[in-house]
Amino acid sequence: MISRIFVIILALGAAAYRFSTGAVLESIGLAGLASGLLFLRAAERRPPLRRYAYLSFLVTACIIGYVMFRNSR
């Protein structure tokens, strides 16, 4: 459990840093990762929240794909 909390805090910190440097899209992806992990944590008590976690991870994956495509040019 400590590792999940550590990853959430790390992702939020990295999102804040990327936002402050002007990389808004990347910060949204990192925030999506953190929110997905938070939803998974909350889904232990409320299973319907698992769908929101998957949606957050999908947003993160789409942003990763777009940024990789953008950087390959």
C-alpha atoms as a PDB file:
ATOM      1  CA  MET A   1       0.000   0.000   0.000  1.00  0.00           C
ATOM      2  CA  ILE A   2       2.816   2.424   0.698  1.00  0.00           C
ATOM      3  CA  SER A   3       4.049   2.111  -2.873  1.00  0.00           C
ATOM      4  CA  ARG A   4       0.638   3.052  -4.327  1.00  0.00           C
ATOM      5  CA  ILE A   5       0.442   6.137  -2.140  1.00  0.00           C
ATOM      6  CA  PHE A   6       4.014   7.024  -3.091  1.00  0.00           C
ATOM      7  CA  VAL A   7       3.186   6.754  -6.809  1.00  0.00           C
ATOM      8  CA  ILE A   8       0.069   8.924  -6.363  1.00  0.00           C
ATOM      9  CA  ILE A   9       2.060  11.652  -4.598  1.00  0.00           C
ATOM     10  CA  LEU A  10       4.865  11.392  -7.133  1.00  0.00           C
ATOM     11  CA  ALA A  11       2.440  11.656 -10.074  1.00  0.00           C
ATOM     12  CA  LEU A  12       0.719  14.689  -8.572  1.00  0.00           C
ATOM     13  CA  GLY A  13       4.049  16.359  -7.890  1.00  0.00           C
ATOM     14  CA  ALA A  14       5.250  15.672 -11.426  1.00  0.00           C
ATOM     15  CA  ALA A  15       1.941  16.981 -12.797  1.00  0.00           C
ATOM     16  CA  ALA A  16       2.360  20.211 -10.854  1.00  0.00           C
ATOM     17  CA  TYR A  17       5.921  20.585 -12.100  1.00  0.00           C
ATOM     18  CA  ARG A  18       4.981  19.902 -15.731  1.00  0.00           C
ATOM     19  CA  PHE A  19       2.097  22.363 -15.469  1.00  0.00           C
ATOM     20  CA  SER A  20       4.414  25.042 -14.117  1.00  0.00           C
ATOM     21  CA  THR A  21       6.783  24.513 -17.050  1.00  0.00           C
ATOM     22  CA  GLY A  22       3.962  24.931 -19.549  1.00  0.00           C
ATOM     23  CA  ALA A  23       3.429  21.288 -20.523  1.00  0.00           C
ATOM     24  CA  VAL A  24      -0.300  21.260 -19.833  1.00  0.00           C
ATOM     25  CA  LEU A  25      -1.103  18.120 -21.810  1.00  0.00           C
ATOM     26  CA  GLU A  26       1.533  16.088 -20.009  1.00  0.00           C
ATOM     27  CA  SER A  27       0.311  17.366 -16.644  1.00  0.00           C
ATOM     28  CA  ILE A  28      -3.238  16.249 -17.499  1.00  0.00           C
ATOM     29  CA  GLY A  29      -1.886  12.789 -18.278  1.00  0.00           C
ATOM     30  CA  LEU A  30      -0.065  12.600 -14.969  1.00  0.00           C
ATOM     31  CA  ALA A  31      -3.127  13.842 -13.108  1.00  0.00           C
ATOM     32  CA  GLY A  32      -5.143  11.158 -14.903  1.00  0.00           C
ATOM     33  CA  LEU A  33      -2.720   8.534 -13.635  1.00  0.00           C
ATOM     34  CA  ALA A  34      -2.996   9.817 -10.068  1.00  0.00           C
ATOM     35  CA  SER A  35      -6.789  10.039 -10.205  1.00  0.00           C
ATOM     36  CA  GLY A  36      -7.013   6.535 -11.641  1.00  0.00           C
ATOM     37  CA  LEU A  37      -4.960   5.202  -8.754  1.00  0.00           C
ATOM     38  CA  LEU A  38      -7.120   7.126  -6.299  1.00  0.00           C
ATOM     39  CA  PHE A  39     -10.273   5.692  -7.870  1.00  0.00           C
ATOM     40  CA  LEU A  40      -8.814   2.190  -7.616  1.00  0.00           C
ATOM     41  CA  ARG A  41      -8.107   2.828  -3.953  1.00  0.00           C
ATOM     42  CA  ALA A  42     -11.689   4.018  -3.410  1.00  0.00           C
ATOM     43  CA  ALA A  43     -13.056   1.086  -5.424  1.00  0.00           C
ATOM     44  CA  GLU A  44     -12.049  -1.280  -2.634  1.00  0.00           C
ATOM     45  CA  ARG A  45     -15.117  -0.052  -0.759  1.00  0.00           C
ATOM     46  CA  ARG A  46     -17.241   1.069  -3.708  1.00  0.00           C
ATOM     47  CA  PRO A  47     -16.754  -1.251  -6.706  1.00  0.00           C
ATOM     48  CA  PRO A  48     -18.608   0.967  -9.239  1.00  0.00           C
ATOM     49  CA  LEU A  49     -15.763   3.503  -8.988  1.00  0.00           C
ATOM     50  CA  ARG A  50     -13.539   1.054 -10.839  1.00  0.00           C
ATOM     51  CA  ARG A  51     -15.025   2.305 -14.130  1.00  0.00           C
ATOM     52  CA  TYR A  52     -13.805   5.819 -13.398  1.00  0.00           C
ATOM     53  CA  ALA A  53     -10.338   4.430 -12.729  1.00  0.00           C
ATOM     54  CA  TYR A  54     -10.303   2.735 -16.111  1.00  0.00           C
ATOM     55  CA  LEU A  55     -11.523   5.927 -17.757  1.00  0.00           C
ATOM     56  CA  SER A  56      -8.723   7.894 -16.085  1.00  0.00           C
ATOM     57  CA  PHE A  57      -6.167   5.350 -17.264  1.00  0.00           C
ATOM     58  CA  LEU A  58      -7.616   5.553 -20.783  1.00  0.00           C
ATOM     59  CA  VAL A  59      -7.167   9.338 -20.773  1.00  0.00           C
ATOM     60  CA  THR A  60      -3.588   8.854 -19.617  1.00  0.00           C
ATOM     61  CA  ALA A  61      -2.915   6.281 -22.335  1.00  0.00           C
ATOM     62  CA  CYS A  62      -4.366   8.525 -25.033  1.00  0.00           C
ATOM     63  CA  ILE A  63      -2.227  11.441 -23.925  1.00  0.00           C
ATOM     64  CA  ILE A  64       0.877   9.239 -23.826  1.00  0.00           C
ATOM     65  CA  GLY A  65       0.118   8.079 -27.355  1.00  0.00           C
ATOM     66  CA  TYR A  66      -0.407  11.609 -28.609  1.00  0.00           C
ATOM     67  CA  VAL A  67       2.761  12.943 -26.968  1.00  0.00           C
ATOM     68  CA  MET A  68       4.793  10.059 -28.395  1.00  0.00           C
ATOM     69  CA  PHE A  69       3.351  10.762 -31.846  1.00  0.00           C
ATOM     70  CA  ARG A  70       4.023  14.481 -31.480  1.00  0.00           C
ATOM     71  CA  ASN A  71       7.629  13.907 -30.393  1.00  0.00           C
ATOM     72  CA  SER A  72       8.334  11.476 -33.226  1.00  0.00           C
ATOM     73  CA  ARG A  73       7.970  14.239 -35.811  1.00  0.00           C
END
